[in-house]
N, C-alpha and C. Protein backbone atom coordinates (compact mmCIF):
# COMPACT_ATOMS: atom_id res chain seq x y z
N MET A 1 -8.70 134.69 315.27
CA MET A 1 -7.92 133.98 316.26
C MET A 1 -6.61 133.53 315.61
N PRO A 2 -5.46 133.79 316.20
CA PRO A 2 -4.20 133.37 315.64
C PRO A 2 -4.11 131.85 315.51
N PHE A 3 -3.36 131.42 314.52
CA PHE A 3 -3.23 129.99 314.23
C PHE A 3 -2.73 129.20 315.45
N ASP A 4 -1.73 129.71 316.17
CA ASP A 4 -1.21 129.01 317.35
C ASP A 4 -2.28 128.87 318.43
N ALA A 5 -3.18 129.84 318.52
CA ALA A 5 -4.26 129.74 319.51
C ALA A 5 -5.22 128.61 319.16
N VAL A 6 -5.45 128.40 317.86
CA VAL A 6 -6.31 127.29 317.43
C VAL A 6 -5.68 125.96 317.85
N LEU A 7 -4.39 125.80 317.62
CA LEU A 7 -3.72 124.56 318.01
C LEU A 7 -3.76 124.38 319.52
N GLY A 8 -3.61 125.46 320.29
CA GLY A 8 -3.69 125.37 321.74
C GLY A 8 -5.07 124.94 322.21
N ARG A 9 -6.11 125.43 321.54
CA ARG A 9 -7.47 125.03 321.91
C ARG A 9 -7.71 123.56 321.60
N LEU A 10 -7.09 123.04 320.54
CA LEU A 10 -7.22 121.62 320.23
C LEU A 10 -6.63 120.78 321.36
N ASP A 11 -5.46 121.20 321.86
CA ASP A 11 -4.86 120.48 322.99
C ASP A 11 -5.77 120.53 324.20
N ALA A 12 -6.36 121.68 324.47
CA ALA A 12 -7.25 121.81 325.63
C ALA A 12 -8.48 120.93 325.48
N LEU A 13 -9.01 120.81 324.29
CA LEU A 13 -10.16 119.94 324.07
C LEU A 13 -9.80 118.48 324.31
N ALA A 14 -8.61 118.09 323.92
CA ALA A 14 -8.22 116.69 324.01
C ALA A 14 -7.88 116.26 325.43
N VAL A 15 -7.36 117.18 326.23
CA VAL A 15 -6.93 116.83 327.58
C VAL A 15 -8.13 116.78 328.51
N GLY A 16 -8.35 115.64 329.13
CA GLY A 16 -9.40 115.50 330.11
C GLY A 16 -10.80 115.43 329.54
N GLN A 17 -10.93 115.30 328.27
CA GLN A 17 -12.24 115.21 327.63
C GLN A 17 -12.44 113.79 327.12
N GLY A 18 -13.67 113.32 327.13
CA GLY A 18 -13.98 112.05 326.51
C GLY A 18 -13.86 112.16 325.01
N GLU A 19 -13.61 111.06 324.34
CA GLU A 19 -13.45 111.09 322.90
C GLU A 19 -14.71 111.62 322.22
N ASP A 20 -15.89 111.19 322.67
CA ASP A 20 -17.12 111.65 322.06
C ASP A 20 -17.31 113.14 322.28
N ASP A 21 -16.90 113.64 323.44
CA ASP A 21 -17.03 115.06 323.74
C ASP A 21 -16.15 115.89 322.80
N PHE A 22 -14.93 115.42 322.51
CA PHE A 22 -14.05 116.13 321.60
C PHE A 22 -14.68 116.22 320.21
N ALA A 23 -15.22 115.12 319.72
CA ALA A 23 -15.83 115.11 318.38
C ALA A 23 -17.05 116.03 318.34
N ALA A 24 -17.85 116.01 319.39
CA ALA A 24 -19.05 116.85 319.43
C ALA A 24 -18.67 118.33 319.44
N ARG A 25 -17.69 118.69 320.25
CA ARG A 25 -17.27 120.09 320.32
C ARG A 25 -16.67 120.54 319.00
N ALA A 26 -15.87 119.69 318.38
CA ALA A 26 -15.25 120.04 317.11
C ALA A 26 -16.31 120.27 316.05
N GLY A 27 -17.30 119.40 315.97
CA GLY A 27 -18.36 119.55 314.98
C GLY A 27 -19.24 120.75 315.25
N ALA A 28 -19.55 121.01 316.50
CA ALA A 28 -20.41 122.12 316.86
C ALA A 28 -19.75 123.46 316.57
N ALA A 29 -18.45 123.53 316.69
CA ALA A 29 -17.74 124.79 316.48
C ALA A 29 -17.56 125.12 315.02
N ALA A 30 -17.88 124.19 314.12
CA ALA A 30 -17.56 124.37 312.72
C ALA A 30 -18.62 125.08 311.90
N GLY A 31 -19.87 125.02 312.31
CA GLY A 31 -20.89 125.69 311.55
C GLY A 31 -21.41 124.91 310.37
N GLY A 32 -21.57 123.61 310.52
CA GLY A 32 -22.16 122.82 309.44
C GLY A 32 -21.30 121.66 309.03
N GLY A 33 -21.92 120.77 308.27
CA GLY A 33 -21.22 119.58 307.81
C GLY A 33 -20.43 119.85 306.55
N PRO A 34 -19.58 118.89 306.19
CA PRO A 34 -18.75 119.04 305.00
C PRO A 34 -19.58 119.04 303.72
N SER A 35 -19.05 119.66 302.70
CA SER A 35 -19.71 119.74 301.41
C SER A 35 -19.40 118.50 300.58
N GLU A 36 -20.38 118.08 299.78
CA GLU A 36 -20.18 117.00 298.82
C GLU A 36 -20.35 117.54 297.40
N TYR A 37 -20.39 118.84 297.25
CA TYR A 37 -20.58 119.52 295.97
C TYR A 37 -19.39 119.25 295.05
N GLN A 38 -19.66 119.03 293.79
CA GLN A 38 -18.61 118.86 292.80
C GLN A 38 -18.51 120.14 291.98
N ALA A 39 -17.39 120.80 292.05
CA ALA A 39 -17.22 122.09 291.39
C ALA A 39 -16.74 121.92 289.95
N ASN A 40 -16.62 123.03 289.30
CA ASN A 40 -16.16 123.08 287.92
C ASN A 40 -14.63 123.18 287.88
N LEU A 41 -13.96 122.34 288.65
CA LEU A 41 -12.51 122.25 288.61
C LEU A 41 -12.15 120.92 287.95
N THR A 42 -11.12 120.92 287.14
CA THR A 42 -10.73 119.69 286.48
C THR A 42 -10.00 118.77 287.45
N ARG A 43 -9.89 117.52 287.09
CA ARG A 43 -9.13 116.56 287.91
C ARG A 43 -7.69 117.01 288.07
N GLU A 44 -7.14 117.57 287.01
CA GLU A 44 -5.75 118.03 287.05
C GLU A 44 -5.59 119.19 288.02
N GLU A 45 -6.55 120.12 288.04
CA GLU A 45 -6.48 121.26 288.96
C GLU A 45 -6.58 120.79 290.41
N ILE A 46 -7.48 119.85 290.66
CA ILE A 46 -7.62 119.30 292.01
C ILE A 46 -6.37 118.52 292.39
N ALA A 47 -5.82 117.76 291.45
CA ALA A 47 -4.61 116.98 291.73
C ALA A 47 -3.43 117.90 292.05
N GLN A 48 -3.33 119.03 291.34
CA GLN A 48 -2.25 119.99 291.62
C GLN A 48 -2.38 120.56 293.03
N PHE A 49 -3.59 120.93 293.38
CA PHE A 49 -3.84 121.47 294.72
C PHE A 49 -3.50 120.42 295.78
N SER A 50 -3.98 119.21 295.58
CA SER A 50 -3.72 118.12 296.53
C SER A 50 -2.23 117.86 296.69
N ALA A 51 -1.50 117.83 295.56
CA ALA A 51 -0.05 117.60 295.61
C ALA A 51 0.64 118.72 296.37
N HIS A 52 0.17 119.95 296.19
CA HIS A 52 0.76 121.09 296.89
C HIS A 52 0.58 120.93 298.40
N VAL A 53 -0.64 120.60 298.85
CA VAL A 53 -0.88 120.41 300.28
C VAL A 53 -0.09 119.20 300.78
N GLN A 54 -0.06 118.14 300.02
CA GLN A 54 0.65 116.92 300.43
C GLN A 54 2.14 117.18 300.62
N SER A 55 2.70 118.12 299.86
CA SER A 55 4.13 118.44 299.99
C SER A 55 4.45 119.05 301.35
N CYS A 56 3.44 119.55 302.05
CA CYS A 56 3.63 120.14 303.38
C CYS A 56 3.21 119.19 304.50
N TRP A 57 2.71 118.01 304.16
CA TRP A 57 2.15 117.07 305.13
C TRP A 57 3.25 116.30 305.86
N THR A 58 3.13 116.25 307.18
CA THR A 58 3.96 115.40 308.02
C THR A 58 3.03 114.70 308.99
N ALA A 59 2.93 113.38 308.87
CA ALA A 59 2.05 112.63 309.76
C ALA A 59 2.60 112.65 311.18
N PRO A 60 1.73 112.77 312.17
CA PRO A 60 2.18 112.72 313.55
C PRO A 60 2.79 111.35 313.87
N ALA A 61 3.81 111.34 314.68
CA ALA A 61 4.45 110.09 315.09
C ALA A 61 3.43 109.21 315.81
N GLY A 62 3.41 107.93 315.46
CA GLY A 62 2.55 106.98 316.14
C GLY A 62 1.10 106.97 315.68
N LEU A 63 0.78 107.78 314.68
CA LEU A 63 -0.60 107.82 314.18
C LEU A 63 -0.89 106.52 313.42
N VAL A 64 -1.96 105.84 313.80
CA VAL A 64 -2.33 104.57 313.19
C VAL A 64 -3.41 104.85 312.14
N THR A 65 -3.21 104.31 310.94
CA THR A 65 -4.18 104.48 309.88
C THR A 65 -5.36 103.56 310.10
N THR A 66 -6.55 104.14 310.23
CA THR A 66 -7.79 103.38 310.34
C THR A 66 -8.81 104.03 309.42
N PRO A 67 -9.80 103.27 308.95
CA PRO A 67 -10.77 103.83 308.00
C PRO A 67 -11.54 105.04 308.51
N LYS A 68 -11.82 105.11 309.79
CA LYS A 68 -12.63 106.22 310.31
C LYS A 68 -11.80 107.37 310.85
N LEU A 69 -10.50 107.30 310.73
CA LEU A 69 -9.64 108.37 311.23
C LEU A 69 -9.49 109.43 310.13
N GLU A 70 -10.43 110.38 310.12
CA GLU A 70 -10.44 111.47 309.16
C GLU A 70 -10.91 112.74 309.84
N VAL A 71 -10.41 113.86 309.34
CA VAL A 71 -10.89 115.16 309.76
C VAL A 71 -11.26 115.95 308.51
N VAL A 72 -12.20 116.86 308.66
CA VAL A 72 -12.59 117.74 307.57
C VAL A 72 -12.41 119.17 308.04
N ILE A 73 -11.68 119.94 307.24
CA ILE A 73 -11.37 121.33 307.56
C ILE A 73 -11.82 122.21 306.41
N ARG A 74 -12.54 123.27 306.74
CA ARG A 74 -13.00 124.23 305.73
C ARG A 74 -12.03 125.39 305.68
N VAL A 75 -11.58 125.73 304.46
CA VAL A 75 -10.68 126.87 304.27
C VAL A 75 -11.34 127.87 303.33
N GLY A 76 -11.22 129.13 303.69
CA GLY A 76 -11.64 130.22 302.83
C GLY A 76 -10.39 130.87 302.28
N LEU A 77 -10.34 131.08 300.97
CA LEU A 77 -9.14 131.60 300.33
C LEU A 77 -9.42 132.91 299.61
N ARG A 78 -8.44 133.79 299.66
CA ARG A 78 -8.47 135.04 298.89
C ARG A 78 -8.01 134.73 297.47
N PRO A 79 -8.20 135.65 296.55
CA PRO A 79 -7.71 135.42 295.19
C PRO A 79 -6.20 135.16 295.11
N ASP A 80 -5.42 135.70 296.08
CA ASP A 80 -3.98 135.46 296.08
C ASP A 80 -3.59 134.12 296.69
N GLY A 81 -4.59 133.33 297.13
CA GLY A 81 -4.32 132.00 297.66
C GLY A 81 -4.04 131.94 299.14
N ARG A 82 -4.17 133.05 299.86
CA ARG A 82 -3.98 133.07 301.31
C ARG A 82 -5.34 132.93 302.00
N PHE A 83 -5.31 132.48 303.26
CA PHE A 83 -6.55 132.30 304.02
C PHE A 83 -7.27 133.62 304.22
N THR A 84 -8.60 133.57 304.17
CA THR A 84 -9.40 134.74 304.54
C THR A 84 -9.56 134.78 306.05
N VAL A 85 -9.66 133.62 306.67
CA VAL A 85 -9.76 133.45 308.13
C VAL A 85 -9.04 132.16 308.50
N VAL A 86 -8.88 131.92 309.77
CA VAL A 86 -8.29 130.67 310.23
C VAL A 86 -9.19 129.51 309.78
N PRO A 87 -8.62 128.44 309.21
CA PRO A 87 -9.43 127.29 308.80
C PRO A 87 -10.30 126.77 309.94
N ALA A 88 -11.50 126.29 309.57
CA ALA A 88 -12.48 125.81 310.56
C ALA A 88 -12.57 124.29 310.53
N LEU A 89 -12.54 123.69 311.69
CA LEU A 89 -12.71 122.25 311.82
C LEU A 89 -14.20 121.92 311.67
N LEU A 90 -14.55 121.08 310.69
CA LEU A 90 -15.93 120.69 310.46
C LEU A 90 -16.26 119.33 311.06
N ALA A 91 -15.31 118.41 311.01
CA ALA A 91 -15.55 117.06 311.51
C ALA A 91 -14.24 116.48 312.02
N ALA A 92 -14.34 115.74 313.13
CA ALA A 92 -13.17 115.09 313.71
C ALA A 92 -13.61 113.75 314.28
N PRO A 93 -12.72 112.78 314.32
CA PRO A 93 -13.09 111.46 314.82
C PRO A 93 -13.21 111.43 316.34
N ALA A 94 -14.04 110.53 316.81
CA ALA A 94 -14.14 110.28 318.25
C ALA A 94 -13.02 109.30 318.59
N SER A 95 -11.82 109.82 318.61
CA SER A 95 -10.62 109.01 318.79
C SER A 95 -9.57 109.80 319.55
N ALA A 96 -8.78 109.11 320.31
CA ALA A 96 -7.68 109.77 321.02
C ALA A 96 -6.66 110.34 320.03
N GLN A 97 -6.65 109.83 318.80
CA GLN A 97 -5.72 110.30 317.77
C GLN A 97 -6.24 111.52 317.02
N GLY A 98 -7.51 111.86 317.22
CA GLY A 98 -8.12 112.97 316.50
C GLY A 98 -7.38 114.29 316.64
N PRO A 99 -7.05 114.73 317.86
CA PRO A 99 -6.35 116.02 317.99
C PRO A 99 -5.01 116.06 317.25
N ALA A 100 -4.28 114.96 317.26
CA ALA A 100 -2.99 114.93 316.57
C ALA A 100 -3.18 115.06 315.06
N LEU A 101 -4.22 114.41 314.54
CA LEU A 101 -4.50 114.50 313.10
C LEU A 101 -4.94 115.91 312.73
N VAL A 102 -5.77 116.53 313.55
CA VAL A 102 -6.21 117.91 313.29
C VAL A 102 -5.01 118.85 313.30
N LYS A 103 -4.15 118.73 314.28
CA LYS A 103 -2.97 119.60 314.36
C LYS A 103 -2.07 119.44 313.14
N ALA A 104 -1.87 118.19 312.69
CA ALA A 104 -1.03 117.94 311.51
C ALA A 104 -1.65 118.57 310.26
N ALA A 105 -2.97 118.43 310.11
CA ALA A 105 -3.65 119.00 308.95
C ALA A 105 -3.57 120.52 308.98
N MET A 106 -3.84 121.12 310.13
CA MET A 106 -3.78 122.59 310.26
C MET A 106 -2.37 123.10 309.97
N ARG A 107 -1.39 122.38 310.47
CA ARG A 107 0.01 122.79 310.25
C ARG A 107 0.35 122.74 308.76
N ALA A 108 -0.05 121.66 308.08
CA ALA A 108 0.22 121.54 306.64
C ALA A 108 -0.46 122.67 305.87
N LEU A 109 -1.70 122.97 306.21
CA LEU A 109 -2.42 124.03 305.52
C LEU A 109 -1.74 125.38 305.72
N GLN A 110 -1.30 125.64 306.94
CA GLN A 110 -0.64 126.91 307.24
C GLN A 110 0.68 127.03 306.46
N GLN A 111 1.45 125.96 306.46
CA GLN A 111 2.77 125.98 305.81
C GLN A 111 2.69 126.10 304.29
N CYS A 112 1.62 125.61 303.70
CA CYS A 112 1.51 125.58 302.24
C CYS A 112 1.00 126.88 301.62
N GLN A 113 0.60 127.84 302.40
CA GLN A 113 0.16 129.11 301.83
C GLN A 113 1.30 129.77 301.08
N PRO A 114 1.04 130.49 300.03
CA PRO A 114 -0.25 130.70 299.38
C PRO A 114 -0.57 129.55 298.43
N TYR A 115 -1.86 129.40 298.15
CA TYR A 115 -2.34 128.36 297.25
C TYR A 115 -2.50 128.94 295.86
N ASN A 116 -1.37 129.16 295.20
CA ASN A 116 -1.40 129.78 293.87
C ASN A 116 -1.41 128.75 292.75
N VAL A 117 -1.70 127.50 293.06
CA VAL A 117 -1.78 126.45 292.05
C VAL A 117 -3.18 126.36 291.44
N LEU A 118 -4.14 127.08 292.00
CA LEU A 118 -5.50 127.05 291.49
C LEU A 118 -5.71 128.16 290.46
N PRO A 119 -6.53 127.90 289.43
CA PRO A 119 -6.68 128.87 288.35
C PRO A 119 -7.43 130.14 288.79
N PRO A 120 -6.82 131.30 288.61
CA PRO A 120 -7.45 132.56 289.02
C PRO A 120 -8.83 132.76 288.39
N GLY A 121 -9.03 132.33 287.17
CA GLY A 121 -10.30 132.51 286.48
C GLY A 121 -11.45 131.70 287.08
N LYS A 122 -11.12 130.76 287.96
CA LYS A 122 -12.14 129.93 288.61
C LYS A 122 -12.22 130.21 290.11
N TYR A 123 -11.83 131.41 290.50
CA TYR A 123 -11.79 131.76 291.92
C TYR A 123 -13.10 131.46 292.64
N ASP A 124 -14.23 131.77 292.03
CA ASP A 124 -15.50 131.52 292.70
C ASP A 124 -15.71 130.03 292.99
N GLU A 125 -15.05 129.17 292.25
CA GLU A 125 -15.17 127.72 292.46
C GLU A 125 -14.32 127.24 293.64
N TRP A 126 -13.20 127.91 293.90
CA TRP A 126 -12.28 127.41 294.94
C TRP A 126 -12.09 128.33 296.12
N ARG A 127 -12.86 129.38 296.22
CA ARG A 127 -12.64 130.32 297.33
C ARG A 127 -13.03 129.74 298.68
N LEU A 128 -13.89 128.71 298.70
CA LEU A 128 -14.26 128.04 299.94
C LEU A 128 -14.21 126.53 299.68
N LEU A 129 -13.32 125.84 300.39
CA LEU A 129 -13.09 124.41 300.17
C LEU A 129 -13.19 123.62 301.47
N ASP A 130 -13.75 122.43 301.38
CA ASP A 130 -13.72 121.47 302.48
C ASP A 130 -12.66 120.43 302.14
N LEU A 131 -11.70 120.27 303.02
CA LEU A 131 -10.57 119.37 302.78
C LEU A 131 -10.61 118.23 303.78
N ARG A 132 -10.59 117.02 303.28
CA ARG A 132 -10.64 115.82 304.13
C ARG A 132 -9.22 115.25 304.24
N PHE A 133 -8.79 115.06 305.49
CA PHE A 133 -7.46 114.51 305.77
C PHE A 133 -7.59 113.17 306.47
N SER A 134 -6.69 112.26 306.13
CA SER A 134 -6.55 110.99 306.84
C SER A 134 -5.11 110.93 307.36
N ALA A 135 -4.74 109.82 307.94
CA ALA A 135 -3.38 109.68 308.47
C ALA A 135 -2.32 109.80 307.37
N ASP A 136 -2.72 109.58 306.11
CA ASP A 136 -1.78 109.67 304.99
C ASP A 136 -1.69 111.06 304.38
N GLY A 137 -2.51 111.99 304.87
CA GLY A 137 -2.50 113.35 304.32
C GLY A 137 -3.85 113.72 303.76
N MET A 138 -3.86 114.63 302.79
CA MET A 138 -5.12 115.09 302.25
C MET A 138 -5.73 114.02 301.35
N ALA A 139 -7.00 113.71 301.64
CA ALA A 139 -7.69 112.65 300.90
C ALA A 139 -8.60 113.21 299.81
N THR A 140 -9.39 114.25 300.11
CA THR A 140 -10.31 114.80 299.11
C THR A 140 -10.43 116.32 299.25
N VAL A 141 -10.85 116.94 298.15
CA VAL A 141 -11.12 118.37 298.09
C VAL A 141 -12.57 118.52 297.62
N SER A 142 -13.39 119.25 298.39
CA SER A 142 -14.78 119.49 298.00
C SER A 142 -15.08 120.97 298.08
N PRO A 143 -15.23 121.64 296.93
CA PRO A 143 -15.65 123.04 296.97
C PRO A 143 -17.04 123.15 297.59
N VAL A 144 -17.30 124.25 298.25
CA VAL A 144 -18.58 124.49 298.91
C VAL A 144 -19.50 125.21 297.91
N ARG A 145 -20.73 124.71 297.78
CA ARG A 145 -21.71 125.30 296.86
C ARG A 145 -21.92 126.78 297.17
N SER A 146 -22.20 127.56 296.16
CA SER A 146 -22.36 129.00 296.35
C SER A 146 -23.53 129.34 297.26
N ASP A 147 -24.60 128.53 297.29
CA ASP A 147 -25.72 128.84 298.17
C ASP A 147 -25.44 128.54 299.63
N GLN A 148 -24.30 127.91 299.93
CA GLN A 148 -23.90 127.63 301.31
C GLN A 148 -22.82 128.59 301.79
N ARG A 149 -22.46 129.57 300.98
CA ARG A 149 -21.39 130.49 301.32
C ARG A 149 -21.95 131.86 301.70
N ALA A 150 -21.17 132.56 302.49
CA ALA A 150 -21.49 133.95 302.80
C ALA A 150 -21.18 134.78 301.55
N PRO A 151 -21.76 135.96 301.42
CA PRO A 151 -21.44 136.82 300.28
C PRO A 151 -19.94 137.10 300.22
N ARG A 152 -19.45 137.25 299.02
CA ARG A 152 -18.03 137.48 298.78
C ARG A 152 -17.59 138.80 299.39
N GLN A 153 -16.47 138.76 300.13
CA GLN A 153 -15.91 139.95 300.77
C GLN A 153 -14.81 140.51 299.89
N PRO A 154 -14.67 141.82 299.82
CA PRO A 154 -13.57 142.40 299.03
C PRO A 154 -12.23 142.06 299.65
N GLY A 155 -11.24 141.88 298.77
CA GLY A 155 -9.89 141.79 299.25
C GLY A 155 -9.21 140.58 299.35
């Protein structure tokens, strides 16, 4: 599905839907909860990746920072740092601000490609990542455990 189509579907979910309905649909479409796995990436490698994504972050106008305003997006990356597929929304808040936060996160992820700041020798550690965003930008990076991933695809 093209990236613009994903953003359009987010708008459709938000319009005329209850806040709880938006969160339920977003979670159901994602295929599982976020990972809490700690990979074999150094703090410096994670910090570099986070800084790269943050450089593309633009908070939506009027977005209010609250503790529960977070989204989690899963990205699959090729060895060259480009997406394997369109990023998947794993979790979204039951909030009227949720769609705006998701759109901002998706936009930042799209604009920051390729992700060539990660070490090529550790590709298996970073090929599938769960990224948590708040109103301030990317908050955490969690690699997905190998037993929760599909087999590696060529290319």
